[in-house]
């Protein structure tokens, strides 16, 4: 882990330490877990830690550009997670790793991660960032940022109100950042971006149905997750997360997102399908 100083609250320090995995063997790592008051392990934790584990086995001149994973079993937030990395391929330009997250001797998550050497290309385009108020304007208008709903978490979210002329009802647009100042360590920021990409994604599929994440009748869980990393970003500065849910049905919901820097640069794209089962009575 980078030795540069970090300033901010204790929660941010604990989160950074969470991504600093303990090496057990050349391709075997152990990460501690984070209790956010949820009944199961937060999916973003295994996403971020799995990417960190894969990165630890890849040359420094290659950066991750995609991560695709499946959540197999609920994780225990009170137990560490072991990450087993399979060195699938080391090519001239691309490197591929497969990571399995294990608790109690059973896989709870697995993913593939692909890395690429730095390359320049004249072929470039991106979806434009929506024209939305800046975080400062929202803070001045609303007085204070809305903190994450989980205990002891260093994230801040600023949810933008939906536009009256927006014909996409399953849409959510928000600014987010981590409180404090992080080291100038690009790999750490990528792992934190993977961690944060799970927040607010699947719950966007609930928006047009008026069902809250806390509804006791709701059974909700991530099934798979995809992250494409286009460019670097600092996670201690505001990023805009634009999320839409094009479909829900069969007790599942699909959500897709784009993450932008302040300067309008598209830095990541996401997609996730998850269980959104609504029971007629509260789930025991």
C-alpha atoms as a PDB file:
ATOM      1  CA  UNK A   1       0.000   0.000   0.000  1.00  0.00           C
ATOM      2  CA  UNK A   2       1.161   3.524  -0.736  1.00  0.00           C
ATOM      3  CA  UNK A   3       2.876   5.182   2.225  1.00  0.00           C
ATOM      4  CA  UNK A   4       1.712   8.723   1.443  1.00  0.00           C
ATOM      5  CA  UNK A   5      -0.294  10.341   4.231  1.00  0.00           C
ATOM      6  CA  UNK A   6      -4.052  10.244   4.246  1.00  0.00           C
ATOM      7  CA  UNK A   7      -6.299  12.691   6.042  1.00  0.00           C
ATOM      8  CA  UNK A   8      -9.936  12.237   6.958  1.00  0.00           C
ATOM      9  CA  UNK A   9     -12.091  10.302   9.348  1.00  0.00           C
ATOM     10  CA  UNK A  10     -11.305   6.936  10.902  1.00  0.00           C
ATOM     11  CA  UNK A  11     -13.894   5.224   8.683  1.00  0.00           C
ATOM     12  CA  UNK A  12     -11.925   6.145   5.557  1.00  0.00           C
ATOM     13  CA  UNK A  13      -8.737   4.794   7.092  1.00  0.00           C
ATOM     14  CA  UNK A  14     -10.460   1.528   7.923  1.00  0.00           C
ATOM     15  CA  UNK A  15     -11.794   1.260   4.376  1.00  0.00           C
ATOM     16  CA  UNK A  16      -8.346   1.838   2.862  1.00  0.00           C
ATOM     17  CA  UNK A  17      -6.872  -0.779   5.218  1.00  0.00           C
ATOM     18  CA  UNK A  18      -9.616  -3.175   4.107  1.00  0.00           C
ATOM     19  CA  UNK A  19      -8.210  -3.083   0.566  1.00  0.00           C
ATOM     20  CA  UNK A  20      -4.649  -3.737   1.739  1.00  0.00           C
ATOM     21  CA  UNK A  21      -4.777  -7.534   1.585  1.00  0.00           C
ATOM     22  CA  UNK A  22      -2.563  -9.892   3.554  1.00  0.00           C
ATOM     23  CA  UNK A  23      -0.510 -12.119   1.224  1.00  0.00           C
ATOM     24  CA  UNK A  24      -0.637 -15.786   2.226  1.00  0.00           C
ATOM     25  CA  UNK A  25       0.991 -17.288  -0.872  1.00  0.00           C
ATOM     26  CA  UNK A  26       1.963 -16.023  -4.328  1.00  0.00           C
ATOM     27  CA  UNK A  27      -1.662 -16.103  -5.502  1.00  0.00           C
ATOM     28  CA  UNK A  28      -3.511 -16.346  -2.176  1.00  0.00           C
ATOM     29  CA  UNK A  29      -4.621 -13.334  -0.123  1.00  0.00           C
ATOM     30  CA  UNK A  30      -6.760 -12.617   2.925  1.00  0.00           C
ATOM     31  CA  UNK A  31      -8.919  -9.550   3.487  1.00  0.00           C
ATOM     32  CA  UNK A  32     -10.728  -8.438   6.596  1.00  0.00           C
ATOM     33  CA  UNK A  33     -14.460  -7.768   6.468  1.00  0.00           C
ATOM     34  CA  UNK A  34     -16.568  -4.710   7.096  1.00  0.00           C
ATOM     35  CA  UNK A  35     -19.754  -4.742   9.151  1.00  0.00           C
ATOM     36  CA  UNK A  36     -22.069  -2.099   7.689  1.00  0.00           C
ATOM     37  CA  UNK A  37     -25.090  -3.243   9.674  1.00  0.00           C
ATOM     38  CA  UNK A  38     -26.407  -5.288   6.751  1.00  0.00           C
ATOM     39  CA  UNK A  39     -27.538  -8.917   7.137  1.00  0.00           C
ATOM     40  CA  UNK A  40     -24.796 -10.006   4.712  1.00  0.00           C
ATOM     41  CA  UNK A  41     -21.429  -8.833   3.451  1.00  0.00           C
ATOM     42  CA  UNK A  42     -21.626  -5.711   1.269  1.00  0.00           C
ATOM     43  CA  UNK A  43     -20.978  -6.783  -2.331  1.00  0.00           C
ATOM     44  CA  UNK A  44     -18.711  -3.823  -3.031  1.00  0.00           C
ATOM     45  CA  UNK A  45     -16.250  -5.152  -0.461  1.00  0.00           C
ATOM     46  CA  UNK A  46     -15.583  -8.375  -2.358  1.00  0.00           C
ATOM     47  CA  UNK A  47     -15.536  -6.470  -5.666  1.00  0.00           C
ATOM     48  CA  UNK A  48     -12.845  -4.083  -4.423  1.00  0.00           C
ATOM     49  CA  UNK A  49     -10.834  -6.725  -2.596  1.00  0.00           C
ATOM     50  CA  UNK A  50     -10.993  -9.167  -5.519  1.00  0.00           C
ATOM     51  CA  UNK A  51      -9.673  -6.470  -7.858  1.00  0.00           C
ATOM     52  CA  UNK A  52      -6.904  -5.698  -5.345  1.00  0.00           C
ATOM     53  CA  UNK A  53      -5.994  -9.393  -5.170  1.00  0.00           C
ATOM     54  CA  UNK A  54      -5.792  -9.646  -8.963  1.00  0.00           C
ATOM     55  CA  UNK A  55      -3.751  -6.427  -9.171  1.00  0.00           C
ATOM     56  CA  UNK A  56      -1.208  -7.874  -6.737  1.00  0.00           C
ATOM     57  CA  UNK A  57      -0.345 -10.554  -9.330  1.00  0.00           C
ATOM     58  CA  UNK A  58      -0.057  -8.255 -12.369  1.00  0.00           C
ATOM     59  CA  UNK A  59       2.907  -6.104 -13.506  1.00  0.00           C
ATOM     60  CA  UNK A  60       2.592  -2.453 -12.474  1.00  0.00           C
ATOM     61  CA  UNK A  61       2.515  -1.220 -16.080  1.00  0.00           C
ATOM     62  CA  UNK A  62      -0.897  -2.872 -16.626  1.00  0.00           C
ATOM     63  CA  UNK A  63      -4.083  -1.345 -15.296  1.00  0.00           C
ATOM     64  CA  UNK A  64      -7.497  -3.008 -14.990  1.00  0.00           C
ATOM     65  CA  UNK A  65     -10.045  -2.186 -17.662  1.00  0.00           C
ATOM     66  CA  UNK A  66     -12.835  -4.647 -16.835  1.00  0.00           C
ATOM     67  CA  UNK A  67     -14.169  -6.800 -14.026  1.00  0.00           C
ATOM     68  CA  UNK A  68     -17.046  -9.288 -14.323  1.00  0.00           C
ATOM     69  CA  UNK A  69     -18.299 -11.217 -11.310  1.00  0.00           C
ATOM     70  CA  UNK A  70     -21.047 -13.411  -9.881  1.00  0.00           C
ATOM     71  CA  UNK A  71     -22.260 -13.411  -6.295  1.00  0.00           C
ATOM     72  CA  UNK A  72     -22.798 -17.044  -5.285  1.00  0.00           C
ATOM     73  CA  UNK A  73     -23.620 -16.995  -1.568  1.00  0.00           C
ATOM     74  CA  UNK A  74     -24.226 -14.335   1.095  1.00  0.00           C
ATOM     75  CA  UNK A  75     -20.973 -13.414   2.815  1.00  0.00           C
ATOM     76  CA  UNK A  76     -20.481 -13.140   6.566  1.00  0.00           C
ATOM     77  CA  UNK A  77     -19.459  -9.576   7.545  1.00  0.00           C
ATOM     78  CA  UNK A  78     -17.843 -10.899  10.735  1.00  0.00           C
ATOM     79  CA  UNK A  79     -15.362 -13.249   9.046  1.00  0.00           C
ATOM     80  CA  UNK A  80     -12.333 -12.561   6.814  1.00  0.00           C
ATOM     81  CA  UNK A  81     -12.394 -13.509   3.129  1.00  0.00           C
ATOM     82  CA  UNK A  82      -9.687 -15.500   1.347  1.00  0.00           C
ATOM     83  CA  UNK A  83      -9.004 -14.650  -2.309  1.00  0.00           C
ATOM     84  CA  UNK A  84      -7.514 -17.248  -4.624  1.00  0.00           C
ATOM     85  CA  UNK A  85      -6.127 -15.848  -7.887  1.00  0.00           C
ATOM     86  CA  UNK A  86      -5.764 -17.940 -11.024  1.00  0.00           C
ATOM     87  CA  UNK A  87      -3.231 -16.569 -13.531  1.00  0.00           C
ATOM     88  CA  UNK A  88      -5.284 -17.331 -16.622  1.00  0.00           C
ATOM     89  CA  UNK A  89      -3.228 -15.494 -19.226  1.00  0.00           C
ATOM     90  CA  UNK A  90      -0.271 -13.150 -19.589  1.00  0.00           C
ATOM     91  CA  UNK A  91      -0.267 -11.782 -23.138  1.00  0.00           C
ATOM     92  CA  UNK A  92       1.698  -9.120 -24.949  1.00  0.00           C
ATOM     93  CA  UNK A  93      -0.893  -6.400 -24.238  1.00  0.00           C
ATOM     94  CA  UNK A  94      -3.514  -7.970 -21.973  1.00  0.00           C
ATOM     95  CA  UNK A  95      -3.428  -9.949 -18.734  1.00  0.00           C
ATOM     96  CA  UNK A  96      -6.376 -11.970 -17.423  1.00  0.00           C
ATOM     97  CA  UNK A  97      -6.991 -13.112 -13.867  1.00  0.00           C
ATOM     98  CA  UNK A  98      -9.754 -15.150 -12.269  1.00  0.00           C
ATOM     99  CA  UNK A  99     -10.416 -14.555  -8.570  1.00  0.00           C
ATOM    100  CA  UNK A 100     -12.461 -16.696  -6.187  1.00  0.00           C
ATOM    101  CA  UNK A 101     -13.561 -15.278  -2.822  1.00  0.00           C
ATOM    102  CA  UNK A 102     -13.877 -17.960  -0.144  1.00  0.00           C
ATOM    103  CA  UNK A 103     -15.472 -18.090   3.314  1.00  0.00           C
ATOM    104  CA  UNK A 104     -15.935 -21.209   5.454  1.00  0.00           C
ATOM    105  CA  UNK A 105     -14.277 -23.263   2.707  1.00  0.00           C
ATOM    106  CA  UNK A 106     -16.896 -22.343   0.081  1.00  0.00           C
ATOM    107  CA  UNK A 107     -16.820 -19.791  -2.749  1.00  0.00           C
ATOM    108  CA  UNK A 108     -19.088 -16.805  -2.132  1.00  0.00           C
ATOM    109  CA  UNK A 109     -18.040 -14.826  -5.231  1.00  0.00           C
ATOM    110  CA  UNK A 110     -15.881 -15.174  -8.301  1.00  0.00           C
ATOM    111  CA  UNK A 111     -14.832 -12.763 -11.006  1.00  0.00           C
ATOM    112  CA  UNK A 112     -12.602 -12.310 -14.019  1.00  0.00           C
ATOM    113  CA  UNK A 113     -10.483  -9.190 -14.319  1.00  0.00           C
ATOM    114  CA  UNK A 114      -8.632  -8.025 -17.428  1.00  0.00           C
ATOM    115  CA  UNK A 115      -5.625  -5.683 -17.452  1.00  0.00           C
ATOM    116  CA  UNK A 116      -4.015  -3.781 -20.333  1.00  0.00           C
ATOM    117  CA  UNK A 117      -0.798  -1.869 -20.950  1.00  0.00           C
ATOM    118  CA  UNK A 118      -1.223   1.881 -21.495  1.00  0.00           C
ATOM    119  CA  UNK A 119      -2.058   2.634 -25.128  1.00  0.00           C
ATOM    120  CA  UNK A 120      -3.045   5.769 -27.037  1.00  0.00           C
ATOM    121  CA  UNK A 121      -5.653   5.646 -29.789  1.00  0.00           C
ATOM    122  CA  UNK A 122      -7.148   8.245 -32.164  1.00  0.00           C
ATOM    123  CA  UNK A 123     -10.457   6.366 -31.894  1.00  0.00           C
ATOM    124  CA  UNK A 124     -12.237   7.921 -28.937  1.00  0.00           C
ATOM    125  CA  UNK A 125     -15.800   8.884 -28.089  1.00  0.00           C
ATOM    126  CA  UNK A 126     -18.000   8.837 -24.989  1.00  0.00           C
ATOM    127  CA  UNK A 127     -21.549   9.493 -23.880  1.00  0.00           C
ATOM    128  CA  UNK A 128     -21.784  13.111 -22.693  1.00  0.00           C
ATOM    129  CA  UNK A 129     -22.225  13.869 -19.016  1.00  0.00           C
ATOM    130  CA  UNK A 130     -25.707  15.198 -18.189  1.00  0.00           C
ATOM    131  CA  UNK A 131     -25.982  18.900 -17.468  1.00  0.00           C
ATOM    132  CA  UNK A 132     -26.646  18.832 -13.725  1.00  0.00           C
ATOM    133  CA  UNK A 133     -25.980  21.209 -10.806  1.00  0.00           C
ATOM    134  CA  UNK A 134     -22.517  20.932  -9.251  1.00  0.00           C
ATOM    135  CA  UNK A 135     -22.068  19.441  -5.766  1.00  0.00           C
ATOM    136  CA  UNK A 136     -21.333  22.912  -4.398  1.00  0.00           C
ATOM    137  CA  UNK A 137     -24.625  24.276  -5.729  1.00  0.00           C
ATOM    138  CA  UNK A 138     -26.525  21.363  -4.214  1.00  0.00           C
ATOM    139  CA  UNK A 139     -24.737  21.726  -0.881  1.00  0.00           C
ATOM    140  CA  UNK A 140     -25.476  25.444  -0.774  1.00  0.00           C
ATOM    141  CA  UNK A 141     -29.109  24.799  -1.611  1.00  0.00           C
ATOM    142  CA  UNK A 142     -29.678  21.849   0.706  1.00  0.00           C
ATOM    143  CA  UNK A 143     -27.311  22.777   3.518  1.00  0.00           C
ATOM    144  CA  UNK A 144     -25.532  19.433   3.927  1.00  0.00           C
ATOM    145  CA  UNK A 145     -24.707  16.276   2.030  1.00  0.00           C
ATOM    146  CA  UNK A 146     -26.714  13.171   2.713  1.00  0.00           C
ATOM    147  CA  UNK A 147     -24.435  10.535   4.218  1.00  0.00           C
ATOM    148  CA  UNK A 148     -24.537   6.872   3.348  1.00  0.00           C
ATOM    149  CA  UNK A 149     -27.292   4.980   5.137  1.00  0.00           C
ATOM    150  CA  UNK A 150     -24.781   2.521   6.580  1.00  0.00           C
ATOM    151  CA  UNK A 151     -23.104   3.001   9.930  1.00  0.00           C
ATOM    152  CA  UNK A 152     -19.524   4.225  10.128  1.00  0.00           C
ATOM    153  CA  UNK A 153     -19.147   4.649   6.380  1.00  0.00           C
ATOM    154  CA  UNK A 154     -17.020   7.421   4.820  1.00  0.00           C
ATOM    155  CA  UNK A 155     -19.184   7.964   1.713  1.00  0.00           C
ATOM    156  CA  UNK A 156     -21.300  11.006   0.969  1.00  0.00           C
ATOM    157  CA  UNK A 157     -24.100  11.054  -1.605  1.00  0.00           C
ATOM    158  CA  UNK A 158     -25.949  13.980  -3.144  1.00  0.00           C
ATOM    159  CA  UNK A 159     -29.082  12.754  -4.883  1.00  0.00           C
ATOM    160  CA  UNK A 160     -30.282  15.011  -7.691  1.00  0.00           C
ATOM    161  CA  UNK A 161     -34.040  15.493  -8.063  1.00  0.00           C
ATOM    162  CA  UNK A 162     -35.548  13.844 -11.123  1.00  0.00           C
ATOM    163  CA  UNK A 163     -36.369  16.234 -13.940  1.00  0.00           C
ATOM    164  CA  UNK A 164     -40.050  16.758 -14.682  1.00  0.00           C
ATOM    165  CA  UNK A 165     -39.491  16.083 -18.396  1.00  0.00           C
ATOM    166  CA  UNK A 166     -37.476  12.910 -17.811  1.00  0.00           C
ATOM    167  CA  UNK A 167     -39.226  10.092 -19.685  1.00  0.00           C
ATOM    168  CA  UNK A 168     -37.125   7.431 -17.955  1.00  0.00           C
ATOM    169  CA  UNK A 169     -38.826   6.748 -14.593  1.00  0.00           C
ATOM    170  CA  UNK A 170     -36.248   4.161 -13.503  1.00  0.00           C
ATOM    171  CA  UNK A 171     -33.392   6.632 -13.320  1.00  0.00           C
ATOM    172  CA  UNK A 172     -31.204   7.996 -10.542  1.00  0.00           C
ATOM    173  CA  UNK A 173     -28.491  10.618 -10.720  1.00  0.00           C
ATOM    174  CA  UNK A 174     -26.189  11.379  -7.794  1.00  0.00           C
ATOM    175  CA  UNK A 175     -22.825  12.808  -6.848  1.00  0.00           C
ATOM    176  CA  UNK A 176     -20.664  10.731  -4.510  1.00  0.00           C
ATOM    177  CA  UNK A 177     -17.237  10.868  -2.904  1.00  0.00           C
ATOM    178  CA  UNK A 178     -15.250   9.570   0.067  1.00  0.00           C
ATOM    179  CA  UNK A 179     -14.676  11.983   2.942  1.00  0.00           C
ATOM    180  CA  UNK A 180     -11.023  12.898   3.477  1.00  0.00           C
ATOM    181  CA  UNK A 181      -7.875  13.120   1.374  1.00  0.00           C
ATOM    182  CA  UNK A 182      -6.519   9.911  -0.115  1.00  0.00           C
ATOM    183  CA  UNK A 183      -2.933   9.134  -1.189  1.00  0.00           C
ATOM    184  CA  UNK A 184      -1.957   9.759  -4.801  1.00  0.00           C
ATOM    185  CA  UNK A 185      -2.046   6.015  -5.547  1.00  0.00           C
ATOM    186  CA  UNK A 186      -3.983   5.258  -8.770  1.00  0.00           C
ATOM    187  CA  UNK A 187      -4.406   1.540  -7.964  1.00  0.00           C
ATOM    188  CA  UNK A 188      -6.052   2.372  -4.623  1.00  0.00           C
ATOM    189  CA  UNK A 189      -8.517   4.716  -6.336  1.00  0.00           C
ATOM    190  CA  UNK A 190      -9.401   2.001  -8.873  1.00  0.00           C
ATOM    191  CA  UNK A 191     -10.092  -0.480  -6.075  1.00  0.00           C
ATOM    192  CA  UNK A 192     -12.210   2.111  -4.271  1.00  0.00           C
ATOM    193  CA  UNK A 193     -14.117   2.782  -7.488  1.00  0.00           C
ATOM    194  CA  UNK A 194     -14.860  -0.939  -7.791  1.00  0.00           C
ATOM    195  CA  UNK A 195     -16.001  -0.904  -4.152  1.00  0.00           C
ATOM    196  CA  UNK A 196     -18.247   2.134  -4.647  1.00  0.00           C
ATOM    197  CA  UNK A 197     -19.752   0.971  -7.950  1.00  0.00           C
ATOM    198  CA  UNK A 198     -22.145  -1.337  -6.086  1.00  0.00           C
ATOM    199  CA  UNK A 199     -23.835   1.488  -4.173  1.00  0.00           C
ATOM    200  CA  UNK A 200     -27.267   2.656  -5.444  1.00  0.00           C
ATOM    201  CA  UNK A 201     -27.105   0.480  -8.565  1.00  0.00           C
ATOM    202  CA  UNK A 202     -29.650  -2.309  -8.116  1.00  0.00           C
ATOM    203  CA  UNK A 203     -31.965  -0.192  -5.948  1.00  0.00           C
ATOM    204  CA  UNK A 204     -32.601   2.025  -8.992  1.00  0.00           C
ATOM    205  CA  UNK A 205     -34.772  -0.833 -10.323  1.00  0.00           C
ATOM    206  CA  UNK A 206     -37.114  -0.176  -7.364  1.00  0.00           C
ATOM    207  CA  UNK A 207     -37.658   3.530  -8.131  1.00  0.00           C
ATOM    208  CA  UNK A 208     -40.669   3.308 -10.514  1.00  0.00           C
ATOM    209  CA  UNK A 209     -42.444   0.872  -8.185  1.00  0.00           C
ATOM    210  CA  UNK A 210     -42.314   2.983  -5.036  1.00  0.00           C
ATOM    211  CA  UNK A 211     -40.640   0.185  -3.065  1.00  0.00           C
ATOM    212  CA  UNK A 212     -37.968   1.213  -0.560  1.00  0.00           C
ATOM    213  CA  UNK A 213     -34.778  -0.736   0.020  1.00  0.00           C
ATOM    214  CA  UNK A 214     -35.845  -1.060   3.662  1.00  0.00           C
ATOM    215  CA  UNK A 215     -39.282  -2.523   2.847  1.00  0.00           C
ATOM    216  CA  UNK A 216     -39.574  -5.652   5.058  1.00  0.00           C
ATOM    217  CA  UNK A 217     -41.336  -7.516   2.229  1.00  0.00           C
ATOM    218  CA  UNK A 218     -38.371  -7.065  -0.106  1.00  0.00           C
ATOM    219  CA  UNK A 219     -35.752  -9.723  -0.710  1.00  0.00           C
ATOM    220  CA  UNK A 220     -32.926  -8.067  -2.607  1.00  0.00           C
ATOM    221  CA  UNK A 221     -29.438  -9.269  -3.491  1.00  0.00           C
ATOM    222  CA  UNK A 222     -26.877  -8.725  -6.248  1.00  0.00           C
ATOM    223  CA  UNK A 223     -26.524 -11.662  -8.636  1.00  0.00           C
ATOM    224  CA  UNK A 224     -23.795 -10.391 -10.958  1.00  0.00           C
ATOM    225  CA  UNK A 225     -21.801  -7.225 -11.518  1.00  0.00           C
ATOM    226  CA  UNK A 226     -19.818  -5.782 -14.403  1.00  0.00           C
ATOM    227  CA  UNK A 227     -17.430  -2.839 -14.251  1.00  0.00           C
ATOM    228  CA  UNK A 228     -15.522  -1.272 -17.131  1.00  0.00           C
ATOM    229  CA  UNK A 229     -12.759   1.153 -16.134  1.00  0.00           C
ATOM    230  CA  UNK A 230     -12.155   3.727 -18.867  1.00  0.00           C
ATOM    231  CA  UNK A 231      -9.965   6.290 -17.127  1.00  0.00           C
ATOM    232  CA  UNK A 232      -8.506   7.155 -13.734  1.00  0.00           C
ATOM    233  CA  UNK A 233     -10.383   9.196 -11.154  1.00  0.00           C
ATOM    234  CA  UNK A 234      -9.856  10.382  -7.607  1.00  0.00           C
ATOM    235  CA  UNK A 235     -12.362   8.988  -5.154  1.00  0.00           C
ATOM    236  CA  UNK A 236     -11.819  11.859  -2.706  1.00  0.00           C
ATOM    237  CA  UNK A 237     -13.378  14.231  -5.253  1.00  0.00           C
ATOM    238  CA  UNK A 238     -16.985  14.252  -6.398  1.00  0.00           C
ATOM    239  CA  UNK A 239     -18.009  11.809  -9.130  1.00  0.00           C
ATOM    240  CA  UNK A 240     -21.373  11.755 -10.889  1.00  0.00           C
ATOM    241  CA  UNK A 241     -23.150   8.380 -11.036  1.00  0.00           C
ATOM    242  CA  UNK A 242     -25.921   8.219 -13.650  1.00  0.00           C
ATOM    243  CA  UNK A 243     -27.970   5.021 -13.278  1.00  0.00           C
ATOM    244  CA  UNK A 244     -30.898   3.648 -15.278  1.00  0.00           C
ATOM    245  CA  UNK A 245     -32.887   0.439 -14.992  1.00  0.00           C
ATOM    246  CA  UNK A 246     -34.111  -0.601 -18.461  1.00  0.00           C
ATOM    247  CA  UNK A 247     -35.961  -3.684 -17.203  1.00  0.00           C
ATOM    248  CA  UNK A 248     -37.365  -5.504 -14.181  1.00  0.00           C
ATOM    249  CA  UNK A 249     -39.371  -8.721 -14.039  1.00  0.00           C
ATOM    250  CA  UNK A 250     -39.327 -12.363 -12.962  1.00  0.00           C
ATOM    251  CA  UNK A 251     -38.202 -11.223  -9.483  1.00  0.00           C
ATOM    252  CA  UNK A 252     -35.055  -9.675 -10.990  1.00  0.00           C
ATOM    253  CA  UNK A 253     -33.972  -6.171 -11.859  1.00  0.00           C
ATOM    254  CA  UNK A 254     -31.329  -4.859 -14.270  1.00  0.00           C
ATOM    255  CA  UNK A 255     -29.434  -1.605 -13.793  1.00  0.00           C
ATOM    256  CA  UNK A 256     -26.770   0.148 -15.868  1.00  0.00           C
ATOM    257  CA  UNK A 257     -24.627   3.102 -14.870  1.00  0.00           C
ATOM    258  CA  UNK A 258     -22.055   5.642 -16.035  1.00  0.00           C
ATOM    259  CA  UNK A 259     -19.588   7.386 -13.713  1.00  0.00           C
ATOM    260  CA  UNK A 260     -18.163  10.790 -14.671  1.00  0.00           C
ATOM    261  CA  UNK A 261     -15.457  13.065 -13.293  1.00  0.00           C
ATOM    262  CA  UNK A 262     -16.222  16.723 -12.667  1.00  0.00           C
ATOM    263  CA  UNK A 263     -14.581  17.636 -15.983  1.00  0.00           C
ATOM    264  CA  UNK A 264     -17.127  15.508 -17.853  1.00  0.00           C
ATOM    265  CA  UNK A 265     -14.777  12.601 -18.532  1.00  0.00           C
ATOM    266  CA  UNK A 266     -16.499   9.210 -18.495  1.00  0.00           C
ATOM    267  CA  UNK A 267     -14.312   7.096 -16.184  1.00  0.00           C
ATOM    268  CA  UNK A 268     -16.379   3.920 -15.719  1.00  0.00           C
ATOM    269  CA  UNK A 269     -19.484   2.043 -16.829  1.00  0.00           C
ATOM    270  CA  UNK A 270     -21.385  -0.535 -14.792  1.00  0.00           C
ATOM    271  CA  UNK A 271     -24.131  -3.117 -15.128  1.00  0.00           C
ATOM    272  CA  UNK A 272     -25.787  -5.321 -12.542  1.00  0.00           C
ATOM    273  CA  UNK A 273     -28.639  -7.786 -12.323  1.00  0.00           C
ATOM    274  CA  UNK A 274     -30.069  -8.711  -8.963  1.00  0.00           C
ATOM    275  CA  UNK A 275     -32.858 -10.396  -7.089  1.00  0.00           C
ATOM    276  CA  UNK A 276     -35.797  -8.040  -6.413  1.00  0.00           C
ATOM    277  CA  UNK A 277     -38.384 -10.409  -4.959  1.00  0.00           C
ATOM    278  CA  UNK A 278     -41.350  -8.721  -3.302  1.00  0.00           C
ATOM    279  CA  UNK A 279     -43.246 -10.974  -0.879  1.00  0.00           C
ATOM    280  CA  UNK A 280     -46.820 -10.485   0.241  1.00  0.00           C
ATOM    281  CA  UNK A 281     -45.680 -10.433   3.883  1.00  0.00           C
ATOM    282  CA  UNK A 282     -42.479  -9.364   5.654  1.00  0.00           C
ATOM    283  CA  UNK A 283     -39.529 -11.677   5.058  1.00  0.00           C
ATOM    284  CA  UNK A 284     -38.546 -13.523   8.238  1.00  0.00           C
END
